[in-house]
PDB file of N, CA and C in Angstrom:
ATOM      1  N   UNK A   1      -4.182  12.814 -25.921  1.00  0.00           N
ATOM      2  CA  UNK A   1      -3.959  12.441 -24.534  1.00  0.00           C
ATOM      3  C   UNK A   1      -3.261  11.079 -24.480  1.00  0.00           C
ATOM      4  N   UNK A   2      -2.519  10.890 -23.417  1.00  0.00           N
ATOM      5  CA  UNK A   2      -1.866   9.606 -23.135  1.00  0.00           C
ATOM      6  C   UNK A   2      -2.267   9.210 -21.722  1.00  0.00           C
ATOM      7  N   UNK A   3      -2.494   7.936 -21.542  1.00  0.00           N
ATOM      8  CA  UNK A   3      -3.044   7.441 -20.283  1.00  0.00           C
ATOM      9  C   UNK A   3      -2.116   6.428 -19.634  1.00  0.00           C
ATOM     10  N   UNK A   4      -1.961   6.560 -18.332  1.00  0.00           N
ATOM     11  CA  UNK A   4      -1.323   5.553 -17.501  1.00  0.00           C
ATOM     12  C   UNK A   4      -2.472   4.893 -16.762  1.00  0.00           C
ATOM     13  N   UNK A   5      -2.498   3.571 -16.764  1.00  0.00           N
ATOM     14  CA  UNK A   5      -3.650   2.887 -16.191  1.00  0.00           C
ATOM     15  C   UNK A   5      -3.220   1.694 -15.347  1.00  0.00           C
ATOM     16  N   UNK A   6      -4.113   1.293 -14.460  1.00  0.00           N
ATOM     17  CA  UNK A   6      -3.913   0.094 -13.653  1.00  0.00           C
ATOM     18  C   UNK A   6      -5.165  -0.759 -13.819  1.00  0.00           C
ATOM     19  N   UNK A   7      -4.950  -2.010 -14.192  1.00  0.00           N
ATOM     20  CA  UNK A   7      -6.052  -2.958 -14.286  1.00  0.00           C
ATOM     21  C   UNK A   7      -5.813  -4.070 -13.278  1.00  0.00           C
ATOM     22  N   UNK A   8      -6.893  -4.692 -12.838  1.00  0.00           N
ATOM     23  CA  UNK A   8      -6.777  -5.793 -11.881  1.00  0.00           C
ATOM     24  C   UNK A   8      -7.389  -7.039 -12.504  1.00  0.00           C
ATOM     25  N   UNK A   9      -6.640  -8.119 -12.458  1.00  0.00           N
ATOM     26  CA  UNK A   9      -7.114  -9.398 -12.965  1.00  0.00           C
ATOM     27  C   UNK A   9      -8.194  -9.941 -12.042  1.00  0.00           C
ATOM     28  N   UNK A  10      -9.298 -10.361 -12.606  1.00  0.00           N
ATOM     29  CA  UNK A  10     -10.360 -10.983 -11.814  1.00  0.00           C
ATOM     30  C   UNK A  10      -9.998 -12.423 -11.474  1.00  0.00           C
ATOM     31  N   UNK A  11      -9.035 -12.974 -12.199  1.00  0.00           N
ATOM     32  CA  UNK A  11      -8.603 -14.355 -11.983  1.00  0.00           C
ATOM     33  C   UNK A  11      -7.648 -14.469 -10.794  1.00  0.00           C
ATOM     34  N   UNK A  12      -6.568 -13.677 -10.812  1.00  0.00           N
ATOM     35  CA  UNK A  12      -5.563 -13.795  -9.755  1.00  0.00           C
ATOM     36  C   UNK A  12      -5.468 -12.559  -8.860  1.00  0.00           C
ATOM     37  N   UNK A  13      -6.291 -11.544  -9.119  1.00  0.00           N
ATOM     38  CA  UNK A  13      -6.369 -10.305  -8.334  1.00  0.00           C
ATOM     39  C   UNK A  13      -5.113  -9.440  -8.414  1.00  0.00           C
ATOM     40  N   UNK A  14      -4.153  -9.786  -9.267  1.00  0.00           N
ATOM     41  CA  UNK A  14      -2.937  -8.988  -9.402  1.00  0.00           C
ATOM     42  C   UNK A  14      -3.198  -7.791 -10.299  1.00  0.00           C
ATOM     43  N   UNK A  15      -2.348  -6.772 -10.124  1.00  0.00           N
ATOM     44  CA  UNK A  15      -2.462  -5.536 -10.865  1.00  0.00           C
ATOM     45  C   UNK A  15      -1.460  -5.493 -12.009  1.00  0.00           C
ATOM     46  N   UNK A  16      -1.830  -4.784 -13.062  1.00  0.00           N
ATOM     47  CA  UNK A  16      -0.941  -4.526 -14.189  1.00  0.00           C
ATOM     48  C   UNK A  16      -1.009  -3.026 -14.474  1.00  0.00           C
ATOM     49  N   UNK A  17       0.150  -2.397 -14.606  1.00  0.00           N
ATOM     50  CA  UNK A  17       0.224  -0.966 -14.909  1.00  0.00           C
ATOM     51  C   UNK A  17       0.735  -0.796 -16.327  1.00  0.00           C
ATOM     52  N   UNK A  18       0.054   0.025 -17.109  1.00  0.00           N
ATOM     53  CA  UNK A  18       0.446   0.220 -18.495  1.00  0.00           C
ATOM     54  C   UNK A  18       0.253   1.644 -18.966  1.00  0.00           C
ATOM     55  N   UNK A  19       0.521   1.843 -20.251  1.00  0.00           N
ATOM     56  CA  UNK A  19       0.518   3.156 -20.883  1.00  0.00           C
ATOM     57  C   UNK A  19      -0.107   3.017 -22.260  1.00  0.00           C
ATOM     58  N   UNK A  20      -0.955   3.961 -22.656  1.00  0.00           N
ATOM     59  CA  UNK A  20      -1.588   3.921 -23.972  1.00  0.00           C
ATOM     60  C   UNK A  20      -2.083   5.303 -24.374  1.00  0.00           C
ATOM     61  N   UNK A  21      -2.380   5.456 -25.652  1.00  0.00           N
ATOM     62  CA  UNK A  21      -3.011   6.695 -26.102  1.00  0.00           C
ATOM     63  C   UNK A  21      -4.494   6.453 -26.431  1.00  0.00           C
ATOM     64  N   UNK A  22      -4.953   5.204 -26.290  1.00  0.00           N
ATOM     65  CA  UNK A  22      -6.362   4.857 -26.511  1.00  0.00           C
ATOM     66  C   UNK A  22      -6.779   3.862 -25.422  1.00  0.00           C
ATOM     67  N   UNK A  23      -7.269   4.398 -24.318  1.00  0.00           N
ATOM     68  CA  UNK A  23      -7.551   3.580 -23.139  1.00  0.00           C
ATOM     69  C   UNK A  23      -8.628   2.533 -23.401  1.00  0.00           C
ATOM     70  N   UNK A  24      -9.696   2.900 -24.079  1.00  0.00           N
ATOM     71  CA  UNK A  24     -10.772   1.935 -24.350  1.00  0.00           C
ATOM     72  C   UNK A  24     -10.279   0.770 -25.206  1.00  0.00           C
ATOM     73  N   UNK A  25      -9.528   1.081 -26.237  1.00  0.00           N
ATOM     74  CA  UNK A  25      -9.008   0.043 -27.121  1.00  0.00           C
ATOM     75  C   UNK A  25      -8.037  -0.878 -26.371  1.00  0.00           C
ATOM     76  N   UNK A  26      -7.136  -0.289 -25.591  1.00  0.00           N
ATOM     77  CA  UNK A  26      -6.135  -1.085 -24.874  1.00  0.00           C
ATOM     78  C   UNK A  26      -6.799  -1.971 -23.829  1.00  0.00           C
ATOM     79  N   UNK A  27      -7.803  -1.458 -23.135  1.00  0.00           N
ATOM     80  CA  UNK A  27      -8.522  -2.253 -22.135  1.00  0.00           C
ATOM     81  C   UNK A  27      -9.205  -3.436 -22.823  1.00  0.00           C
ATOM     82  N   UNK A  28      -9.789  -3.193 -23.970  1.00  0.00           N
ATOM     83  CA  UNK A  28     -10.420  -4.254 -24.756  1.00  0.00           C
ATOM     84  C   UNK A  28      -9.391  -5.302 -25.180  1.00  0.00           C
ATOM     85  N   UNK A  29      -8.212  -4.864 -25.573  1.00  0.00           N
ATOM     86  CA  UNK A  29      -7.143  -5.792 -25.957  1.00  0.00           C
ATOM     87  C   UNK A  29      -6.724  -6.673 -24.782  1.00  0.00           C
ATOM     88  N   UNK A  30      -6.623  -6.083 -23.600  1.00  0.00           N
ATOM     89  CA  UNK A  30      -6.293  -6.884 -22.408  1.00  0.00           C
ATOM     90  C   UNK A  30      -7.364  -7.943 -22.172  1.00  0.00           C
ATOM     91  N   UNK A  31      -8.611  -7.554 -22.236  1.00  0.00           N
ATOM     92  CA  UNK A  31      -9.703  -8.488 -21.947  1.00  0.00           C
ATOM     93  C   UNK A  31      -9.902  -9.549 -23.020  1.00  0.00           C
ATOM     94  N   UNK A  32      -9.456  -9.285 -24.236  1.00  0.00           N
ATOM     95  CA  UNK A  32      -9.610 -10.287 -25.292  1.00  0.00           C
ATOM     96  C   UNK A  32      -8.359 -11.139 -25.486  1.00  0.00           C
ATOM     97  N   UNK A  33      -7.354 -10.981 -24.586  1.00  0.00           N
ATOM     98  CA  UNK A  33      -6.162 -11.824 -24.627  1.00  0.00           C
ATOM     99  C   UNK A  33      -5.146 -11.445 -25.691  1.00  0.00           C
ATOM    100  N   UNK A  34      -5.194 -10.227 -26.197  1.00  0.00           N
ATOM    101  CA  UNK A  34      -4.284  -9.788 -27.255  1.00  0.00           C
ATOM    102  C   UNK A  34      -2.985  -9.177 -26.739  1.00  0.00           C
ATOM    103  N   UNK A  35      -2.844  -9.049 -25.427  1.00  0.00           N
ATOM    104  CA  UNK A  35      -1.633  -8.481 -24.824  1.00  0.00           C
ATOM    105  C   UNK A  35      -0.854  -9.628 -24.188  1.00  0.00           C
ATOM    106  N   UNK A  36       0.355  -9.883 -24.678  1.00  0.00           N
ATOM    107  CA  UNK A  36       1.101 -11.066 -24.241  1.00  0.00           C
ATOM    108  C   UNK A  36       1.364 -11.094 -22.734  1.00  0.00           C
ATOM    109  N   UNK A  37       1.615  -9.940 -22.122  1.00  0.00           N
ATOM    110  CA  UNK A  37       1.942  -9.923 -20.692  1.00  0.00           C
ATOM    111  C   UNK A  37       0.741 -10.196 -19.789  1.00  0.00           C
ATOM    112  N   UNK A  38      -0.466 -10.095 -20.324  1.00  0.00           N
ATOM    113  CA  UNK A  38      -1.664 -10.360 -19.509  1.00  0.00           C
ATOM    114  C   UNK A  38      -2.575 -11.405 -20.152  1.00  0.00           C
ATOM    115  N   UNK A  39      -2.074 -12.087 -21.148  1.00  0.00           N
ATOM    116  CA  UNK A  39      -2.885 -12.968 -21.991  1.00  0.00           C
ATOM    117  C   UNK A  39      -3.760 -13.957 -21.227  1.00  0.00           C
ATOM    118  N   UNK A  40      -3.227 -14.631 -20.239  1.00  0.00           N
ATOM    119  CA  UNK A  40      -3.962 -15.679 -19.534  1.00  0.00           C
ATOM    120  C   UNK A  40      -4.492 -15.248 -18.175  1.00  0.00           C
ATOM    121  N   UNK A  41      -4.588 -13.932 -17.942  1.00  0.00           N
ATOM    122  CA  UNK A  41      -4.981 -13.454 -16.618  1.00  0.00           C
ATOM    123  C   UNK A  41      -6.340 -12.773 -16.598  1.00  0.00           C
ATOM    124  N   UNK A  42      -7.008 -12.632 -17.736  1.00  0.00           N
ATOM    125  CA  UNK A  42      -8.289 -11.927 -17.811  1.00  0.00           C
ATOM    126  C   UNK A  42      -9.424 -12.747 -17.261  1.00  0.00           C
ATOM    127  N   UNK A  43     -10.545 -12.131 -17.067  1.00  0.00           N
ATOM    128  CA  UNK A  43     -10.903 -10.759 -17.414  1.00  0.00           C
ATOM    129  C   UNK A  43     -10.345  -9.743 -16.411  1.00  0.00           C
ATOM    130  N   UNK A  44     -10.390  -8.485 -16.808  1.00  0.00           N
ATOM    131  CA  UNK A  44      -9.820  -7.407 -16.006  1.00  0.00           C
ATOM    132  C   UNK A  44     -10.855  -6.354 -15.663  1.00  0.00           C
ATOM    133  N   UNK A  45     -10.525  -5.623 -14.594  1.00  0.00           N
ATOM    134  CA  UNK A  45     -11.280  -4.441 -14.186  1.00  0.00           C
ATOM    135  C   UNK A  45     -10.318  -3.267 -14.242  1.00  0.00           C
ATOM    136  N   UNK A  46     -10.751  -2.157 -14.827  1.00  0.00           N
ATOM    137  CA  UNK A  46      -9.957  -0.932 -14.805  1.00  0.00           C
ATOM    138  C   UNK A  46     -10.165  -0.306 -13.432  1.00  0.00           C
ATOM    139  N   UNK A  47      -9.082  -0.170 -12.671  1.00  0.00           N
ATOM    140  CA  UNK A  47      -9.237   0.348 -11.310  1.00  0.00           C
ATOM    141  C   UNK A  47      -8.635   1.740 -11.116  1.00  0.00           C
ATOM    142  N   UNK A  48      -7.829   2.207 -12.081  1.00  0.00           N
ATOM    143  CA  UNK A  48      -7.211   3.523 -11.920  1.00  0.00           C
ATOM    144  C   UNK A  48      -6.643   3.978 -13.259  1.00  0.00           C
ATOM    145  N   UNK A  49      -6.736   5.273 -13.536  1.00  0.00           N
ATOM    146  CA  UNK A  49      -6.018   5.827 -14.687  1.00  0.00           C
ATOM    147  C   UNK A  49      -5.748   7.304 -14.461  1.00  0.00           C
ATOM    148  N   UNK A  50      -4.741   7.793 -15.152  1.00  0.00           N
ATOM    149  CA  UNK A  50      -4.386   9.202 -15.165  1.00  0.00           C
ATOM    150  C   UNK A  50      -4.198   9.611 -16.620  1.00  0.00           C
ATOM    151  N   UNK A  51      -4.601  10.813 -16.959  1.00  0.00           N
ATOM    152  CA  UNK A  51      -4.419  11.353 -18.303  1.00  0.00           C
ATOM    153  C   UNK A  51      -3.274  12.359 -18.291  1.00  0.00           C
ATOM    154  N   UNK A  52      -2.429  12.283 -19.307  1.00  0.00           N
ATOM    155  CA  UNK A  52      -1.307  13.206 -19.456  1.00  0.00           C
ATOM    156  C   UNK A  52      -1.389  13.859 -20.833  1.00  0.00           C
ATOM    157  N   UNK A  53      -0.912  15.077 -20.928  1.00  0.00           N
ATOM    158  CA  UNK A  53      -0.975  15.806 -22.190  1.00  0.00           C
ATOM    159  C   UNK A  53       0.021  15.300 -23.226  1.00  0.00           C
ATOM    160  N   UNK A  54       1.133  14.729 -22.775  1.00  0.00           N
ATOM    161  CA  UNK A  54       2.081  14.220 -23.758  1.00  0.00           C
ATOM    162  C   UNK A  54       2.642  12.867 -23.325  1.00  0.00           C
ATOM    163  N   UNK A  55       3.200  12.176 -24.291  1.00  0.00           N
ATOM    164  CA  UNK A  55       3.683  10.808 -24.081  1.00  0.00           C
ATOM    165  C   UNK A  55       4.804  10.747 -23.048  1.00  0.00           C
ATOM    166  N   UNK A  56       5.687  11.731 -23.046  1.00  0.00           N
ATOM    167  CA  UNK A  56       6.842  11.694 -22.154  1.00  0.00           C
ATOM    168  C   UNK A  56       6.433  11.850 -20.684  1.00  0.00           C
ATOM    169  N   UNK A  57       5.443  12.684 -20.421  1.00  0.00           N
ATOM    170  CA  UNK A  57       4.923  12.797 -19.060  1.00  0.00           C
ATOM    171  C   UNK A  57       4.276  11.482 -18.628  1.00  0.00           C
ATOM    172  N   UNK A  58       3.538  10.859 -19.539  1.00  0.00           N
ATOM    173  CA  UNK A  58       2.879   9.591 -19.228  1.00  0.00           C
ATOM    174  C   UNK A  58       3.910   8.489 -18.975  1.00  0.00           C
ATOM    175  N   UNK A  59       4.979   8.465 -19.768  1.00  0.00           N
ATOM    176  CA  UNK A  59       6.027   7.457 -19.580  1.00  0.00           C
ATOM    177  C   UNK A  59       6.706   7.633 -18.228  1.00  0.00           C
ATOM    178  N   UNK A  60       6.944   8.882 -17.856  1.00  0.00           N
ATOM    179  CA  UNK A  60       7.564   9.170 -16.562  1.00  0.00           C
ATOM    180  C   UNK A  60       6.641   8.746 -15.417  1.00  0.00           C
ATOM    181  N   UNK A  61       5.364   9.023 -15.570  1.00  0.00           N
ATOM    182  CA  UNK A  61       4.395   8.659 -14.531  1.00  0.00           C
ATOM    183  C   UNK A  61       4.251   7.146 -14.420  1.00  0.00           C
ATOM    184  N   UNK A  62       4.241   6.448 -15.546  1.00  0.00           N
ATOM    185  CA  UNK A  62       4.167   4.986 -15.518  1.00  0.00           C
ATOM    186  C   UNK A  62       5.380   4.406 -14.785  1.00  0.00           C
ATOM    187  N   UNK A  63       6.546   4.917 -15.096  1.00  0.00           N
ATOM    188  CA  UNK A  63       7.765   4.445 -14.435  1.00  0.00           C
ATOM    189  C   UNK A  63       7.666   4.649 -12.921  1.00  0.00           C
ATOM    190  N   UNK A  64       7.167   5.811 -12.518  1.00  0.00           N
ATOM    191  CA  UNK A  64       7.015   6.086 -11.085  1.00  0.00           C
ATOM    192  C   UNK A  64       6.026   5.122 -10.435  1.00  0.00           C
ATOM    193  N   UNK A  65       4.869   4.906 -11.076  1.00  0.00           N
ATOM    194  CA  UNK A  65       3.844   4.038 -10.476  1.00  0.00           C
ATOM    195  C   UNK A  65       4.289   2.585 -10.391  1.00  0.00           C
ATOM    196  N   UNK A  66       5.265   2.194 -11.192  1.00  0.00           N
ATOM    197  CA  UNK A  66       5.790   0.830 -11.130  1.00  0.00           C
ATOM    198  C   UNK A  66       6.890   0.688 -10.075  1.00  0.00           C
ATOM    199  N   UNK A  67       7.355   1.801  -9.536  1.00  0.00           N
ATOM    200  CA  UNK A  67       8.400   1.770  -8.506  1.00  0.00           C
ATOM    201  C   UNK A  67       7.777   1.463  -7.145  1.00  0.00           C
ATOM    202  N   UNK A  68       8.613   1.176  -6.174  1.00  0.00           N
ATOM    203  CA  UNK A  68       8.119   0.913  -4.819  1.00  0.00           C
ATOM    204  C   UNK A  68       7.328   2.076  -4.253  1.00  0.00           C
ATOM    205  N   UNK A  69       7.830   3.279  -4.431  1.00  0.00           N
ATOM    206  CA  UNK A  69       7.141   4.471  -3.946  1.00  0.00           C
ATOM    207  C   UNK A  69       5.804   4.663  -4.666  1.00  0.00           C
ATOM    208  N   UNK A  70       5.783   4.420  -5.962  1.00  0.00           N
ATOM    209  CA  UNK A  70       4.561   4.547  -6.735  1.00  0.00           C
ATOM    210  C   UNK A  70       3.517   3.510  -6.349  1.00  0.00           C
ATOM    211  N   UNK A  71       3.960   2.283  -6.082  1.00  0.00           N
ATOM    212  CA  UNK A  71       3.037   1.226  -5.643  1.00  0.00           C
ATOM    213  C   UNK A  71       2.422   1.566  -4.291  1.00  0.00           C
ATOM    214  N   UNK A  72       3.231   2.137  -3.402  1.00  0.00           N
ATOM    215  CA  UNK A  72       2.699   2.568  -2.092  1.00  0.00           C
ATOM    216  C   UNK A  72       1.651   3.665  -2.287  1.00  0.00           C
ATOM    217  N   UNK A  73       1.931   4.600  -3.204  1.00  0.00           N
ATOM    218  CA  UNK A  73       0.982   5.668  -3.508  1.00  0.00           C
ATOM    219  C   UNK A  73      -0.345   5.076  -3.978  1.00  0.00           C
ATOM    220  N   UNK A  74      -0.293   4.141  -4.922  1.00  0.00           N
ATOM    221  CA  UNK A  74      -1.521   3.525  -5.431  1.00  0.00           C
ATOM    222  C   UNK A  74      -2.259   2.759  -4.341  1.00  0.00           C
ATOM    223  N   UNK A  75      -1.529   2.008  -3.529  1.00  0.00           N
ATOM    224  CA  UNK A  75      -2.168   1.276  -2.424  1.00  0.00           C
ATOM    225  C   UNK A  75      -2.913   2.227  -1.502  1.00  0.00           C
ATOM    226  N   UNK A  76      -2.250   3.308  -1.122  1.00  0.00           N
ATOM    227  CA  UNK A  76      -2.878   4.276  -0.212  1.00  0.00           C
ATOM    228  C   UNK A  76      -4.072   4.959  -0.865  1.00  0.00           C
ATOM    229  N   UNK A  77      -3.938   5.302  -2.133  1.00  0.00           N
ATOM    230  CA  UNK A  77      -4.998   6.017  -2.846  1.00  0.00           C
ATOM    231  C   UNK A  77      -6.220   5.135  -3.090  1.00  0.00           C
ATOM    232  N   UNK A  78      -5.997   3.864  -3.346  1.00  0.00           N
ATOM    233  CA  UNK A  78      -7.090   2.984  -3.748  1.00  0.00           C
ATOM    234  C   UNK A  78      -7.650   2.102  -2.641  1.00  0.00           C
ATOM    235  N   UNK A  79      -6.968   1.990  -1.530  1.00  0.00           N
ATOM    236  CA  UNK A  79      -7.375   0.988  -0.542  1.00  0.00           C
ATOM    237  C   UNK A  79      -8.792   1.194   0.002  1.00  0.00           C
ATOM    238  N   UNK A  80      -9.187   2.391   0.299  1.00  0.00           N
ATOM    239  CA  UNK A  80     -10.542   2.617   0.819  1.00  0.00           C
ATOM    240  C   UNK A  80     -11.600   2.379  -0.260  1.00  0.00           C
ATOM    241  N   UNK A  81     -11.287   2.809  -1.471  1.00  0.00           N
ATOM    242  CA  UNK A  81     -12.222   2.674  -2.581  1.00  0.00           C
ATOM    243  C   UNK A  81     -12.441   1.215  -2.975  1.00  0.00           C
ATOM    244  N   UNK A  82     -11.370   0.440  -3.015  1.00  0.00           N
ATOM    245  CA  UNK A  82     -11.471  -0.936  -3.500  1.00  0.00           C
ATOM    246  C   UNK A  82     -11.707  -1.967  -2.411  1.00  0.00           C
ATOM    247  N   UNK A  83     -11.681  -1.562  -1.164  1.00  0.00           N
ATOM    248  CA  UNK A  83     -11.830  -2.508  -0.051  1.00  0.00           C
ATOM    249  C   UNK A  83     -13.093  -3.349  -0.199  1.00  0.00           C
ATOM    250  N   UNK A  84     -14.184  -2.717  -0.575  1.00  0.00           N
ATOM    251  CA  UNK A  84     -15.460  -3.420  -0.706  1.00  0.00           C
ATOM    252  C   UNK A  84     -15.506  -4.357  -1.895  1.00  0.00           C
ATOM    253  N   UNK A  85     -14.615  -4.177  -2.854  1.00  0.00           N
ATOM    254  CA  UNK A  85     -14.647  -4.981  -4.065  1.00  0.00           C
ATOM    255  C   UNK A  85     -13.561  -6.065  -4.075  1.00  0.00           C
ATOM    256  N   UNK A  86     -13.046  -6.413  -2.927  1.00  0.00           N
ATOM    257  CA  UNK A  86     -12.027  -7.458  -2.868  1.00  0.00           C
ATOM    258  C   UNK A  86     -10.639  -6.958  -3.216  1.00  0.00           C
ATOM    259  N   UNK A  87     -10.323  -5.749  -2.754  1.00  0.00           N
ATOM    260  CA  UNK A  87      -9.040  -5.106  -3.018  1.00  0.00           C
ATOM    261  C   UNK A  87      -7.873  -6.020  -2.662  1.00  0.00           C
ATOM    262  N   UNK A  88      -6.956  -6.159  -3.575  1.00  0.00           N
ATOM    263  CA  UNK A  88      -5.715  -6.865  -3.331  1.00  0.00           C
ATOM    264  C   UNK A  88      -4.581  -5.917  -3.667  1.00  0.00           C
ATOM    265  N   UNK A  89      -3.826  -5.434  -2.683  1.00  0.00           N
ATOM    266  CA  UNK A  89      -2.788  -4.442  -2.955  1.00  0.00           C
ATOM    267  C   UNK A  89      -1.602  -5.024  -3.706  1.00  0.00           C
ATOM    268  N   UNK A  90      -0.811  -4.118  -4.264  1.00  0.00           N
ATOM    269  CA  UNK A  90       0.468  -4.504  -4.877  1.00  0.00           C
ATOM    270  C   UNK A  90       1.316  -5.177  -3.827  1.00  0.00           C
ATOM    271  N   UNK A  91       2.130  -6.107  -4.260  1.00  0.00           N
ATOM    272  CA  UNK A  91       3.151  -6.653  -3.373  1.00  0.00           C
ATOM    273  C   UNK A  91       4.374  -5.784  -3.522  1.00  0.00           C
ATOM    274  N   UNK A  92       4.830  -5.228  -2.405  1.00  0.00           N
ATOM    275  CA  UNK A  92       5.971  -4.311  -2.443  1.00  0.00           C
ATOM    276  C   UNK A  92       7.214  -5.019  -1.935  1.00  0.00           C
TER     277      UNK A  92
END
């Protein structure tokens, strides 16, 4: 399986969208500062993920979720769920 995921920084409340074949390991890497793009923004909360059967589908889905249309989709999908936890939407 390949996973597209969204994590939220507890420090600045911003979201990061990524792709991996080992979600637990990658989430741990983000929280331990081993990922250069999120190094100084942890700790993180996993707020969304999707599983895909192959890498190419996951790459396509990640690209979509990083687009304006994809960010709107995530905002709409997550806003009710995360409202109570200090939801901060993507900036579009």
